[in-house]
Amino acid sequence: MVIIHDMESLLRQHFAEIIALTDAQWAVVSQAFTYKKYRKHQFLIQEGAPVPTDFWIVQGLVKSYYTNADGKEHILQFATSDWWVCDYNGYFKQVPAKLNIDCLEDTHVFCITLEKREKLFEQIPELAQFFLKKSNGGYIALQRRILSLLNDNAKERYEQFQELYPELSQRLPKTLIASYLGVSRETLSRLDS
């Protein structure tokens, strides 16, 4: 149980980056989260399934992707320690997932259901500020990614990826980086040399 206690302290630090919670408030917040471990290649979320929880990654690495009708995989994001990840359409609208979220490494997460999250907002209104800042950061990153895909050439996209996510460049196979950037593995090899 020491490990879970240590993980909970990381979650508390994560909240403390944005809002100050009393010990009593933290006791309420920590009860709303569930700690889970997933093995490499396990799914946090699968297309077509319900999306009962939002995930905060304590450690590990996942990819969020969509598979089109032709079976082509389109990677929307990678998420690693200290990141939130979910199929937010499925989570907030309580509809089946459109995305898959697959563990690329053994991954430890804290999960929260929408019902528990909304109850927390009623009990501790400051939490709305925390989640607003987190979601705004996600919107900004998504907008930057879309604009990059629309405007930047492959070399610029690769350089931006390396600049923004230097750790991921070392942890991910080149085939996944190429897929994320929308280029072939061969093109990525040329850019990397």
Foldseek 3Di string as FASTA:
>chain_A
DVVVVVLLVVVVVLLVVFDDDDPVLSVLVVVQKDKDKDAAFDWPADAQAAFFWKKAWQAFKKWKWAQDPVRDIATQDMDGHRAIDGQVVRQVVVGGHRIIIGTNHTTMIIIGGPVSLVVSCVVPVCVVVVVVVRVVVVVVVSVVLVVCLVPPDLLVLVVVCCVVPVVVVVVDDLCVVCSNSVHHSVVSVVSVD
